[in-house]
Structures are given as structure tokens and as C-alpha cells.
């Protein structure tokens, strides 16, 4: 049995966090498109690492997925975030102070096999303790996919648009052996079958409050 829950009506502030340019877009780009379709969502994003070229890609992708402002880039070294624990923590606190009281925070999983993703995912719930935090998954070589407990159904059009943006805005990644539409679409189809629907993005929620008020 699948229980359907929803975000509150009215304007929403959504924060999306990524260790690298393209993390957010791969992990929850379809969800961002679905949120943008509401028309009352302010999306703000933070990316911790990235070369100059990749940061330009990330900025263009954020616009395409509906961000209200350019991403905040922390300028930290790729694949070395655990060595910079304090700097990561400071970047998260500065971003939280600049975008107070979000309704939803999207971040990598705290048990992700990549050390940068894992550190960010672990820190998020120590920085944001009020809003709903959903941890997105990033399929990759490590084979670390788990059993998510929150699903966002996506329409065919949203899936097509997600893939278009990924391919258009991240040309630096096209040479990777896993970067193709079949790869990205397959995880969406698999998670959709678990809901069941055709396509879905999946998340992990460690803690949520259920309001029973009418």
C-alpha cells in the first residue's frame, strides 16, 4: 500500500544542496521540474565544489530547473571534502542563514558511497533541524542504491525535459561511460515501478512530522 502525502499549499521555499555540479540535477531534477510547475516555489541551490567550467554548467542548469537565483558556490576541492569538514560546515551555515526557513531541503544520502556526497548528506540534518529533509540518490559505479521510502512520480514530459537539460547543460560529462539517456531513464523507471507509476525519483527521509490537524 502506498500512502500519499503532500507539501503545504501556498508559496514554498526549497533548498537543494550538491557536493558537485550535476549532483542536484541528476538526483532530483525531475522533482525540481515538478515543483516549478506549481508556480509558487522559490528554489535556492548550493554547490560545494567545481572547476570554473563546471560551475558555469551548474549555473545554467540551475536556471533551467527553475532556480530563483544563481547557485552559491563554496569553492571547495572536489573529492576532498572530508579533509575540509570545517569549511563545509561553515558553507552550510552561511547558506542556511541566507535562506532561512525553507519548507524542503534536498541533499545527497548520508550513506552514499562517494565521500563528498556522504559528508554533505550527514551534515545536512545537523544544520537544518526544522524543515523536511529528503535525501536524493545518485546512481553510479559504486552500486550503492538502497531502499528509498519517499517517491515523487514524474510525467513523461518531465522525464524528457530532465534528460534534455542534463545533456544540454553538462557537456563536460558526455565522455563518461555511464552518461546516456538509458542510464538516467532506467533508475526513474525502476523507482516508478516501486510506487507504482511509470517514472519516479526516490528519496530517503530519516525523520518527518505528520500533522493530524484538519
Protein backbone atom coordinates (compact mmCIF):
# COMPACT_ATOMS: atom_id res chain seq x y z
CA UNK A 1 0.00 0.00 0.00
CA UNK A 2 1.27 3.47 -0.90
CA UNK A 3 0.28 6.42 1.27
CA UNK A 4 0.21 9.80 -0.47
CA UNK A 5 1.41 12.85 1.43
CA UNK A 6 1.88 16.38 0.15
CA UNK A 7 3.64 19.66 0.79
CA UNK A 8 1.56 22.54 2.14
CA UNK A 9 -0.39 24.77 -0.19
CA UNK A 10 0.88 28.26 -0.85
CA UNK A 11 4.36 29.60 -1.58
CA UNK A 12 7.26 27.26 -0.82
CA UNK A 13 10.96 27.82 -0.33
CA UNK A 14 13.08 24.87 -1.42
CA UNK A 15 16.80 24.44 -0.80
CA UNK A 16 18.83 21.98 -2.90
CA UNK A 17 22.40 21.06 -1.96
CA UNK A 18 25.04 19.31 -4.04
CA UNK A 19 28.64 18.35 -3.50
CA UNK A 20 29.37 18.74 -7.23
CA UNK A 21 27.79 20.43 -10.24
CA UNK A 22 25.20 17.96 -11.63
CA UNK A 23 24.54 16.17 -8.30
CA UNK A 24 21.29 18.04 -7.73
CA UNK A 25 20.17 17.75 -11.32
CA UNK A 26 20.86 14.00 -11.56
CA UNK A 27 19.44 13.23 -8.14
CA UNK A 28 16.29 15.33 -8.12
CA UNK A 29 16.00 17.28 -11.39
CA UNK A 30 12.60 15.82 -12.17
CA UNK A 31 11.34 16.79 -8.73
CA UNK A 32 12.58 20.34 -9.29
CA UNK A 33 10.64 20.49 -12.56
CA UNK A 34 7.52 19.23 -10.80
CA UNK A 35 7.96 21.87 -8.10
CA UNK A 36 8.49 24.60 -10.69
CA UNK A 37 5.21 23.61 -12.30
CA UNK A 38 3.43 24.74 -9.13
CA UNK A 39 4.39 28.33 -9.91
CA UNK A 40 4.82 29.32 -6.25
CA UNK A 41 8.21 27.81 -5.42
CA UNK A 42 11.45 29.67 -4.72
CA UNK A 43 14.38 27.33 -5.35
CA UNK A 44 17.84 28.17 -3.99
CA UNK A 45 20.89 25.99 -4.50
CA UNK A 46 24.36 25.46 -3.02
CA UNK A 47 27.20 23.56 -4.74
CA UNK A 48 30.34 22.86 -2.73
CA UNK A 49 32.94 22.07 -5.44
CA UNK A 50 33.63 22.55 -9.14
CA UNK A 51 36.09 23.91 -11.68
CA UNK A 52 35.30 27.16 -13.45
CA UNK A 53 33.87 25.35 -16.49
CA UNK A 54 31.74 23.04 -14.37
CA UNK A 55 30.45 25.93 -12.28
CA UNK A 56 29.25 27.64 -15.46
CA UNK A 57 27.44 24.43 -16.38
CA UNK A 58 25.88 24.26 -12.93
CA UNK A 59 24.66 27.84 -13.12
CA UNK A 60 22.99 27.24 -16.49
CA UNK A 61 21.41 24.00 -15.26
CA UNK A 62 20.06 25.68 -12.11
CA UNK A 63 18.28 28.26 -14.26
CA UNK A 64 16.84 25.56 -16.48
CA UNK A 65 15.49 23.67 -13.49
CA UNK A 66 13.81 26.76 -12.07
CA UNK A 67 16.23 28.24 -9.53
CA UNK A 68 15.27 31.73 -8.40
CA UNK A 69 18.91 32.85 -8.17
CA UNK A 70 22.32 31.60 -9.34
CA UNK A 71 23.79 28.81 -7.24
CA UNK A 72 26.04 29.66 -4.34
CA UNK A 73 29.42 28.03 -4.96
CA UNK A 74 31.61 27.26 -1.96
CA UNK A 75 34.81 26.74 -4.00
CA UNK A 76 35.98 23.64 -2.12
CA UNK A 77 38.16 20.90 -3.69
CA UNK A 78 36.43 18.03 -5.49
CA UNK A 79 36.82 14.56 -3.90
CA UNK A 80 38.46 16.08 -0.81
CA UNK A 81 35.53 17.35 1.25
CA UNK A 82 36.20 15.18 4.34
CA UNK A 83 39.56 16.96 4.68
CA UNK A 84 37.66 20.27 4.77
CA UNK A 85 34.98 19.40 7.32
CA UNK A 86 35.04 22.83 8.95
CA UNK A 87 34.80 24.69 5.66
CA UNK A 88 31.84 22.54 4.59
CA UNK A 89 30.10 23.23 7.89
CA UNK A 90 30.71 26.97 7.56
CA UNK A 91 29.39 26.99 3.98
CA UNK A 92 26.21 25.22 5.05
CA UNK A 93 25.61 27.59 7.95
CA UNK A 94 26.17 30.65 5.77
CA UNK A 95 23.73 29.33 3.22
CA UNK A 96 21.16 28.48 5.89
CA UNK A 97 21.41 32.00 7.29
CA UNK A 98 20.97 33.48 3.81
CA UNK A 99 17.91 31.34 3.04
CA UNK A 100 16.10 30.95 6.38
CA UNK A 101 13.05 28.80 7.00
CA UNK A 102 12.83 26.61 3.88
CA UNK A 103 9.95 24.19 3.67
CA UNK A 104 12.01 21.47 1.98
CA UNK A 105 15.73 20.64 1.86
CA UNK A 106 17.10 18.27 -0.81
CA UNK A 107 20.53 16.73 -0.30
CA UNK A 108 22.56 13.58 -1.01
CA UNK A 109 22.14 10.43 1.06
CA UNK A 110 24.15 10.22 4.29
CA UNK A 111 25.19 6.66 3.36
CA UNK A 112 26.24 7.45 -0.22
CA UNK A 113 29.42 5.61 -1.25
CA UNK A 114 31.09 8.81 -2.52
CA UNK A 115 32.83 10.56 0.34
CA UNK A 116 31.80 14.06 -0.76
CA UNK A 117 28.13 13.12 -1.09
CA UNK A 118 28.21 11.21 2.19
CA UNK A 119 29.72 14.08 4.19
CA UNK A 120 27.20 16.58 2.87
CA UNK A 121 24.29 14.22 3.47
CA UNK A 122 25.42 13.59 7.04
CA UNK A 123 25.84 17.27 7.86
CA UNK A 124 22.53 18.47 6.46
CA UNK A 125 20.34 17.33 9.34
CA UNK A 126 22.66 18.97 11.87
CA UNK A 127 22.26 22.32 10.12
CA UNK A 128 18.56 22.22 9.14
CA UNK A 129 16.50 20.83 12.02
CA UNK A 130 13.06 22.19 11.21
CA UNK A 131 12.18 21.60 7.55
CA UNK A 132 11.55 18.31 5.80
CA UNK A 133 14.87 16.90 4.57
CA UNK A 134 14.78 14.47 1.66
CA UNK A 135 17.99 12.72 0.63
CA UNK A 136 18.25 12.03 -3.10
CA UNK A 137 20.13 9.14 -4.70
CA UNK A 138 22.87 9.36 -7.32
CA UNK A 139 23.30 6.13 -9.34
CA UNK A 140 26.94 5.40 -10.18
CA UNK A 141 29.71 2.83 -10.49
CA UNK A 142 29.71 2.05 -6.76
CA UNK A 143 26.35 0.27 -6.89
CA UNK A 144 25.19 1.75 -3.60
CA UNK A 145 21.46 2.11 -4.26
CA UNK A 146 19.26 1.35 -1.27
CA UNK A 147 15.59 1.06 -0.36
CA UNK A 148 14.08 4.57 -0.53
CA UNK A 149 10.90 5.41 1.34
CA UNK A 150 9.67 8.57 -0.42
CA UNK A 151 8.82 8.77 -4.12
CA UNK A 152 7.92 11.67 -6.41
CA UNK A 153 6.03 10.49 -9.52
CA UNK A 154 7.15 12.15 -12.76
CA UNK A 155 5.31 12.62 -16.01
CA UNK A 156 6.77 11.51 -19.33
CA UNK A 157 7.26 15.18 -20.22
CA UNK A 158 9.18 15.86 -17.01
CA UNK A 159 11.48 12.90 -17.66
CA UNK A 160 12.15 14.03 -21.22
CA UNK A 161 12.86 17.57 -20.05
CA UNK A 162 15.19 16.38 -17.30
CA UNK A 163 17.25 14.41 -19.80
CA UNK A 164 17.30 17.34 -22.23
CA UNK A 165 18.67 19.69 -19.60
CA UNK A 166 21.27 17.22 -18.36
CA UNK A 167 22.59 16.69 -21.88
CA UNK A 168 22.44 20.33 -22.86
CA UNK A 169 23.92 21.90 -19.76
CA UNK A 170 26.63 19.40 -18.79
CA UNK A 171 28.68 18.81 -21.97
CA UNK A 172 31.83 18.22 -19.91
CA UNK A 173 30.33 14.96 -18.65
CA UNK A 174 29.37 13.45 -22.02
CA UNK A 175 32.55 11.42 -22.23
CA UNK A 176 31.79 9.40 -19.12
CA UNK A 177 30.88 5.81 -19.93
CA UNK A 178 27.71 5.97 -17.83
CA UNK A 179 26.36 9.25 -19.20
CA UNK A 180 23.45 8.48 -21.52
CA UNK A 181 19.67 8.69 -21.56
CA UNK A 182 19.25 4.97 -20.94
CA UNK A 183 21.22 5.20 -17.70
CA UNK A 184 19.25 8.15 -16.35
CA UNK A 185 15.87 6.87 -17.51
CA UNK A 186 16.43 3.37 -16.11
CA UNK A 187 16.56 4.43 -12.46
CA UNK A 188 13.46 6.60 -12.95
CA UNK A 189 11.59 3.64 -14.45
CA UNK A 190 12.77 1.29 -11.71
CA UNK A 191 11.67 3.64 -8.94
CA UNK A 192 8.39 4.27 -10.74
CA UNK A 193 7.64 0.56 -10.65
CA UNK A 194 8.02 0.61 -6.88
CA UNK A 195 5.31 3.23 -6.33
CA UNK A 196 3.68 2.11 -8.74
CA UNK A 197 3.73 4.63 -11.56
CA UNK A 198 5.78 4.77 -14.73
CA UNK A 199 8.57 7.11 -13.62
CA UNK A 200 9.61 8.47 -10.23
CA UNK A 201 12.52 9.94 -8.34
CA UNK A 202 13.20 8.35 -4.97
CA UNK A 203 14.35 9.82 -1.68
CA UNK A 204 15.20 8.80 1.86
CA UNK A 205 13.54 10.58 4.78
CA UNK A 206 15.04 9.82 8.17
CA UNK A 207 12.53 11.85 10.14
CA UNK A 208 9.21 13.60 9.41
CA UNK A 209 6.40 15.14 11.41
CA UNK A 210 2.84 14.17 10.49
CA UNK A 211 0.28 16.85 11.29
CA UNK A 212 -3.18 15.47 12.06
CA UNK A 213 -4.90 18.86 12.24
CA UNK A 214 -7.87 19.25 9.93
